PDB file of N, CA and C in Angstrom:
ATOM      1  N   MET A   1      29.586 -30.983  -0.327  1.00  0.00           N
ATOM      2  CA  MET A   1      28.635 -31.766   0.423  1.00  0.00           C
ATOM      3  C   MET A   1      29.347 -32.438   1.585  1.00  0.00           C
ATOM      4  N   GLY A   2      28.691 -32.455   2.731  1.00  0.00           N
ATOM      5  CA  GLY A   2      29.286 -33.045   3.920  1.00  0.00           C
ATOM      6  C   GLY A   2      28.915 -34.508   4.082  1.00  0.00           C
ATOM      7  N   GLU A   3      28.985 -34.975   5.292  1.00  0.00           N
ATOM      8  CA  GLU A   3      28.646 -36.361   5.593  1.00  0.00           C
ATOM      9  C   GLU A   3      27.129 -36.520   5.674  1.00  0.00           C
ATOM     10  N   ARG A   4      26.606 -37.507   4.976  1.00  0.00           N
ATOM     11  CA  ARG A   4      25.165 -37.765   5.010  1.00  0.00           C
ATOM     12  C   ARG A   4      24.764 -38.321   6.375  1.00  0.00           C
ATOM     13  N   TYR A   5      23.539 -38.033   6.789  1.00  0.00           N
ATOM     14  CA  TYR A   5      23.046 -38.492   8.081  1.00  0.00           C
ATOM     15  C   TYR A   5      21.526 -38.530   8.063  1.00  0.00           C
ATOM     16  N   ALA A   6      20.964 -39.144   9.098  1.00  0.00           N
ATOM     17  CA  ALA A   6      19.526 -39.135   9.334  1.00  0.00           C
ATOM     18  C   ALA A   6      19.295 -38.442  10.667  1.00  0.00           C
ATOM     19  N   SER A   7      18.163 -37.791  10.803  1.00  0.00           N
ATOM     20  CA  SER A   7      17.840 -37.081  12.038  1.00  0.00           C
ATOM     21  C   SER A   7      16.436 -37.452  12.488  1.00  0.00           C
ATOM     22  N   LEU A   8      16.336 -37.950  13.701  1.00  0.00           N
ATOM     23  CA  LEU A   8      15.033 -38.213  14.304  1.00  0.00           C
ATOM     24  C   LEU A   8      14.868 -37.326  15.537  1.00  0.00           C
ATOM     25  N   ALA A   9      15.442 -36.146  15.467  1.00  0.00           N
ATOM     26  CA  ALA A   9      15.506 -35.246  16.620  1.00  0.00           C
ATOM     27  C   ALA A   9      14.167 -34.610  16.988  1.00  0.00           C
ATOM     28  N   MET A  10      13.183 -34.623  16.102  1.00  0.00           N
ATOM     29  CA  MET A  10      11.894 -33.995  16.408  1.00  0.00           C
ATOM     30  C   MET A  10      11.255 -34.628  17.638  1.00  0.00           C
ATOM     31  N   TYR A  11      11.343 -35.930  17.738  1.00  0.00           N
ATOM     32  CA  TYR A  11      10.739 -36.651  18.861  1.00  0.00           C
ATOM     33  C   TYR A  11      11.806 -37.437  19.609  1.00  0.00           C
ATOM     34  N   SER A  12      12.828 -36.754  20.049  1.00  0.00           N
ATOM     35  CA  SER A  12      13.966 -37.426  20.690  1.00  0.00           C
ATOM     36  C   SER A  12      13.843 -37.473  22.208  1.00  0.00           C
ATOM     37  N   PHE A  13      12.621 -37.541  22.699  1.00  0.00           N
ATOM     38  CA  PHE A  13      12.414 -37.627  24.145  1.00  0.00           C
ATOM     39  C   PHE A  13      13.136 -38.863  24.679  1.00  0.00           C
ATOM     40  N   GLN A  14      13.767 -38.716  25.813  1.00  0.00           N
ATOM     41  CA  GLN A  14      14.597 -39.787  26.367  1.00  0.00           C
ATOM     42  C   GLN A  14      13.879 -41.137  26.427  1.00  0.00           C
ATOM     43  N   PRO A  15      12.616 -41.214  26.851  1.00  0.00           N
ATOM     44  CA  PRO A  15      11.954 -42.529  26.884  1.00  0.00           C
ATOM     45  C   PRO A  15      11.796 -43.177  25.503  1.00  0.00           C
ATOM     46  N   LEU A  16      11.886 -42.388  24.435  1.00  0.00           N
ATOM     47  CA  LEU A  16      11.719 -42.922  23.079  1.00  0.00           C
ATOM     48  C   LEU A  16      13.030 -43.245  22.373  1.00  0.00           C
ATOM     49  N   ARG A  17      14.122 -42.758  22.902  1.00  0.00           N
ATOM     50  CA  ARG A  17      15.407 -42.884  22.194  1.00  0.00           C
ATOM     51  C   ARG A  17      15.761 -44.324  21.849  1.00  0.00           C
ATOM     52  N   ALA A  18      15.633 -45.231  22.804  1.00  0.00           N
ATOM     53  CA  ALA A  18      16.005 -46.629  22.546  1.00  0.00           C
ATOM     54  C   ALA A  18      15.156 -47.215  21.421  1.00  0.00           C
ATOM     55  N   ALA A  19      13.884 -46.874  21.394  1.00  0.00           N
ATOM     56  CA  ALA A  19      13.000 -47.379  20.336  1.00  0.00           C
ATOM     57  C   ALA A  19      13.396 -46.811  18.978  1.00  0.00           C
ATOM     58  N   TRP A  20      13.694 -45.508  18.926  1.00  0.00           N
ATOM     59  CA  TRP A  20      14.121 -44.907  17.654  1.00  0.00           C
ATOM     60  C   TRP A  20      15.436 -45.512  17.183  1.00  0.00           C
ATOM     61  N   GLU A  21      16.368 -45.734  18.098  1.00  0.00           N
ATOM     62  CA  GLU A  21      17.656 -46.313  17.723  1.00  0.00           C
ATOM     63  C   GLU A  21      17.491 -47.745  17.218  1.00  0.00           C
ATOM     64  N   ALA A  22      16.596 -48.519  17.851  1.00  0.00           N
ATOM     65  CA  ALA A  22      16.325 -49.879  17.382  1.00  0.00           C
ATOM     66  C   ALA A  22      15.689 -49.845  15.994  1.00  0.00           C
ATOM     67  N   TRP A  23      14.768 -48.917  15.787  1.00  0.00           N
ATOM     68  CA  TRP A  23      14.119 -48.781  14.479  1.00  0.00           C
ATOM     69  C   TRP A  23      15.154 -48.435  13.412  1.00  0.00           C
ATOM     70  N   TRP A  24      16.033 -47.460  13.713  1.00  0.00           N
ATOM     71  CA  TRP A  24      17.043 -47.058  12.736  1.00  0.00           C
ATOM     72  C   TRP A  24      18.012 -48.196  12.450  1.00  0.00           C
ATOM     73  N   SER A  25      18.342 -48.982  13.449  1.00  0.00           N
ATOM     74  CA  SER A  25      19.206 -50.140  13.254  1.00  0.00           C
ATOM     75  C   SER A  25      18.542 -51.145  12.312  1.00  0.00           C
ATOM     76  N   ALA A  26      17.236 -51.356  12.467  1.00  0.00           N
ATOM     77  CA  ALA A  26      16.498 -52.262  11.579  1.00  0.00           C
ATOM     78  C   ALA A  26      16.456 -51.711  10.156  1.00  0.00           C
ATOM     79  N   VAL A  27      16.270 -50.404  10.021  1.00  0.00           N
ATOM     80  CA  VAL A  27      16.295 -49.779   8.692  1.00  0.00           C
ATOM     81  C   VAL A  27      17.660 -50.010   8.051  1.00  0.00           C
ATOM     82  N   GLY A  28      18.714 -49.781   8.806  1.00  0.00           N
ATOM     83  CA  GLY A  28      20.070 -49.974   8.293  1.00  0.00           C
ATOM     84  C   GLY A  28      20.346 -51.417   7.899  1.00  0.00           C
ATOM     85  N   ALA A  29      19.807 -52.369   8.664  1.00  0.00           N
ATOM     86  CA  ALA A  29      19.990 -53.779   8.335  1.00  0.00           C
ATOM     87  C   ALA A  29      19.243 -54.143   7.054  1.00  0.00           C
ATOM     88  N   SER A  30      18.110 -53.498   6.830  1.00  0.00           N
ATOM     89  CA  SER A  30      17.310 -53.769   5.632  1.00  0.00           C
ATOM     90  C   SER A  30      17.869 -53.089   4.397  1.00  0.00           C
ATOM     91  N   CYS A  31      18.596 -52.003   4.611  1.00  0.00           N
ATOM     92  CA  CYS A  31      19.114 -51.226   3.484  1.00  0.00           C
ATOM     93  C   CYS A  31      20.554 -50.805   3.776  1.00  0.00           C
ATOM     94  N   PRO A  32      21.496 -51.756   3.733  1.00  0.00           N
ATOM     95  CA  PRO A  32      22.880 -51.432   4.082  1.00  0.00           C
ATOM     96  C   PRO A  32      23.505 -50.344   3.215  1.00  0.00           C
ATOM     97  N   ALA A  33      23.021 -50.181   2.002  1.00  0.00           N
ATOM     98  CA  ALA A  33      23.577 -49.141   1.128  1.00  0.00           C
ATOM     99  C   ALA A  33      23.314 -47.748   1.678  1.00  0.00           C
ATOM    100  N   LEU A  34      22.282 -47.614   2.491  1.00  0.00           N
ATOM    101  CA  LEU A  34      21.970 -46.313   3.087  1.00  0.00           C
ATOM    102  C   LEU A  34      23.127 -45.877   3.977  1.00  0.00           C
ATOM    103  N   GLY A  35      23.528 -46.726   4.899  1.00  0.00           N
ATOM    104  CA  GLY A  35      24.723 -46.556   5.709  1.00  0.00           C
ATOM    105  C   GLY A  35      24.996 -45.166   6.252  1.00  0.00           C
ATOM    106  N   VAL A  36      24.013 -44.517   6.838  1.00  0.00           N
ATOM    107  CA  VAL A  36      24.233 -43.188   7.392  1.00  0.00           C
ATOM    108  C   VAL A  36      23.976 -43.208   8.893  1.00  0.00           C
ATOM    109  N   PRO A  37      24.734 -42.421   9.650  1.00  0.00           N
ATOM    110  CA  PRO A  37      24.533 -42.370  11.092  1.00  0.00           C
ATOM    111  C   PRO A  37      23.266 -41.598  11.458  1.00  0.00           C
ATOM    112  N   LEU A  38      22.765 -41.912  12.616  1.00  0.00           N
ATOM    113  CA  LEU A  38      21.609 -41.220  13.176  1.00  0.00           C
ATOM    114  C   LEU A  38      22.108 -40.114  14.087  1.00  0.00           C
ATOM    115  N   ARG A  39      21.608 -38.895  13.882  1.00  0.00           N
ATOM    116  CA  ARG A  39      22.025 -37.748  14.699  1.00  0.00           C
ATOM    117  C   ARG A  39      20.856 -37.230  15.520  1.00  0.00           C
ATOM    118  N   TRP A  40      21.174 -36.785  16.716  1.00  0.00           N
ATOM    119  CA  TRP A  40      20.181 -36.201  17.618  1.00  0.00           C
ATOM    120  C   TRP A  40      20.466 -34.730  17.885  1.00  0.00           C
ATOM    121  N   ASP A  41      21.636 -34.267  17.526  1.00  0.00           N
ATOM    122  CA  ASP A  41      22.071 -32.912  17.870  1.00  0.00           C
ATOM    123  C   ASP A  41      21.624 -31.896  16.832  1.00  0.00           C
ATOM    124  N   GLY A  42      21.775 -30.651  17.168  1.00  0.00           N
ATOM    125  CA  GLY A  42      21.563 -29.575  16.203  1.00  0.00           C
ATOM    126  C   GLY A  42      20.141 -29.051  16.144  1.00  0.00           C
ATOM    127  N   ASP A  43      19.996 -28.071  15.307  1.00  0.00           N
ATOM    128  CA  ASP A  43      18.733 -27.374  15.121  1.00  0.00           C
ATOM    129  C   ASP A  43      17.838 -28.153  14.151  1.00  0.00           C
ATOM    130  N   LEU A  44      16.577 -28.335  14.513  1.00  0.00           N
ATOM    131  CA  LEU A  44      15.662 -29.099  13.661  1.00  0.00           C
ATOM    132  C   LEU A  44      15.520 -28.493  12.274  1.00  0.00           C
ATOM    133  N   THR A  45      15.352 -27.182  12.204  1.00  0.00           N
ATOM    134  CA  THR A  45      15.186 -26.534  10.903  1.00  0.00           C
ATOM    135  C   THR A  45      16.415 -26.750  10.037  1.00  0.00           C
ATOM    136  N   GLN A  46      17.582 -26.733  10.645  1.00  0.00           N
ATOM    137  CA  GLN A  46      18.810 -27.000   9.890  1.00  0.00           C
ATOM    138  C   GLN A  46      18.775 -28.412   9.313  1.00  0.00           C
ATOM    139  N   HIS A  47      18.376 -29.392  10.112  1.00  0.00           N
ATOM    140  CA  HIS A  47      18.298 -30.767   9.618  1.00  0.00           C
ATOM    141  C   HIS A  47      17.305 -30.862   8.464  1.00  0.00           C
ATOM    142  N   TRP A  48      16.135 -30.282   8.633  1.00  0.00           N
ATOM    143  CA  TRP A  48      15.078 -30.400   7.626  1.00  0.00           C
ATOM    144  C   TRP A  48      15.470 -29.793   6.286  1.00  0.00           C
ATOM    145  N   THR A  49      16.355 -28.821   6.293  1.00  0.00           N
ATOM    146  CA  THR A  49      16.730 -28.148   5.045  1.00  0.00           C
ATOM    147  C   THR A  49      18.133 -28.512   4.560  1.00  0.00           C
ATOM    148  N   ASP A  50      18.827 -29.348   5.292  1.00  0.00           N
ATOM    149  CA  ASP A  50      20.197 -29.733   4.949  1.00  0.00           C
ATOM    150  C   ASP A  50      20.187 -30.825   3.877  1.00  0.00           C
ATOM    151  N   PRO A  51      20.818 -30.600   2.730  1.00  0.00           N
ATOM    152  CA  PRO A  51      20.844 -31.631   1.693  1.00  0.00           C
ATOM    153  C   PRO A  51      21.588 -32.902   2.113  1.00  0.00           C
ATOM    154  N   ASP A  52      22.400 -32.832   3.161  1.00  0.00           N
ATOM    155  CA  ASP A  52      23.095 -34.020   3.652  1.00  0.00           C
ATOM    156  C   ASP A  52      22.209 -34.889   4.541  1.00  0.00           C
ATOM    157  N   CYS A  53      21.087 -34.355   4.983  1.00  0.00           N
ATOM    158  CA  CYS A  53      20.148 -35.119   5.806  1.00  0.00           C
ATOM    159  C   CYS A  53      19.261 -35.943   4.870  1.00  0.00           C
ATOM    160  N   VAL A  54      19.440 -37.261   4.898  1.00  0.00           N
ATOM    161  CA  VAL A  54      18.721 -38.122   3.957  1.00  0.00           C
ATOM    162  C   VAL A  54      17.348 -38.531   4.459  1.00  0.00           C
ATOM    163  N   LEU A  55      17.103 -38.427   5.766  1.00  0.00           N
ATOM    164  CA  LEU A  55      15.805 -38.768   6.326  1.00  0.00           C
ATOM    165  C   LEU A  55      15.610 -38.020   7.627  1.00  0.00           C
ATOM    166  N   SER A  56      14.427 -37.484   7.814  1.00  0.00           N
ATOM    167  CA  SER A  56      14.043 -36.850   9.067  1.00  0.00           C
ATOM    168  C   SER A  56      12.531 -36.944   9.173  1.00  0.00           C
ATOM    169  N   HIS A  57      11.982 -36.361  10.206  1.00  0.00           N
ATOM    170  CA  HIS A  57      10.533 -36.316  10.339  1.00  0.00           C
ATOM    171  C   HIS A  57      10.135 -35.031  11.043  1.00  0.00           C
ATOM    172  N   THR A  58       8.898 -34.644  10.838  1.00  0.00           N
ATOM    173  CA  THR A  58       8.365 -33.431  11.429  1.00  0.00           C
ATOM    174  C   THR A  58       6.885 -33.628  11.701  1.00  0.00           C
ATOM    175  N   CYS A  59       6.325 -32.752  12.489  1.00  0.00           N
ATOM    176  CA  CYS A  59       4.876 -32.760  12.673  1.00  0.00           C
ATOM    177  C   CYS A  59       4.252 -31.892  11.579  1.00  0.00           C
ATOM    178  N   GLY A  60       2.952 -31.794  11.581  1.00  0.00           N
ATOM    179  CA  GLY A  60       2.242 -31.100  10.514  1.00  0.00           C
ATOM    180  C   GLY A  60       2.490 -29.610  10.420  1.00  0.00           C
ATOM    181  N   TYR A  61       2.696 -28.935  11.551  1.00  0.00           N
ATOM    182  CA  TYR A  61       2.822 -27.480  11.498  1.00  0.00           C
ATOM    183  C   TYR A  61       4.026 -27.022  10.671  1.00  0.00           C
ATOM    184  N   PRO A  62       5.250 -27.463  10.988  1.00  0.00           N
ATOM    185  CA  PRO A  62       6.373 -27.040  10.145  1.00  0.00           C
ATOM    186  C   PRO A  62       6.219 -27.522   8.700  1.00  0.00           C
ATOM    187  N   ALA A  63       5.663 -28.706   8.523  1.00  0.00           N
ATOM    188  CA  ALA A  63       5.498 -29.240   7.165  1.00  0.00           C
ATOM    189  C   ALA A  63       4.565 -28.380   6.326  1.00  0.00           C
ATOM    190  N   SER A  64       3.576 -27.753   6.974  1.00  0.00           N
ATOM    191  CA  SER A  64       2.609 -26.957   6.212  1.00  0.00           C
ATOM    192  C   SER A  64       2.908 -25.460   6.242  1.00  0.00           C
ATOM    193  N   THR A  65       3.933 -25.047   6.984  1.00  0.00           N
ATOM    194  CA  THR A  65       4.259 -23.616   7.042  1.00  0.00           C
ATOM    195  C   THR A  65       5.677 -23.373   6.530  1.00  0.00           C
ATOM    196  N   SER A  66       6.655 -23.450   7.390  1.00  0.00           N
ATOM    197  CA  SER A  66       8.023 -23.073   7.022  1.00  0.00           C
ATOM    198  C   SER A  66       8.684 -24.025   6.030  1.00  0.00           C
ATOM    199  N   LEU A  67       8.221 -25.254   5.924  1.00  0.00           N
ATOM    200  CA  LEU A  67       8.836 -26.214   5.003  1.00  0.00           C
ATOM    201  C   LEU A  67       8.034 -26.406   3.722  1.00  0.00           C
ATOM    202  N   ALA A  68       6.895 -25.737   3.641  1.00  0.00           N
ATOM    203  CA  ALA A  68       6.014 -25.922   2.468  1.00  0.00           C
ATOM    204  C   ALA A  68       6.579 -25.233   1.246  1.00  0.00           C
TER     205      ALA A  68
END
């Protein structure tokens, strides 16, 4: 097993990045035991199926097709 991480790459549009980073910082402050970095790089499907990815998000289409 590699290094655990979270991925919010599905909606990583530049205007949203600061908001996502602030949200993740608040999550980390509320749950310090989680202690995983936020990643923006890589393939979304890889993140969604990677056991080291502890949190991610997707829209309905992948959730109801390739990830179902």
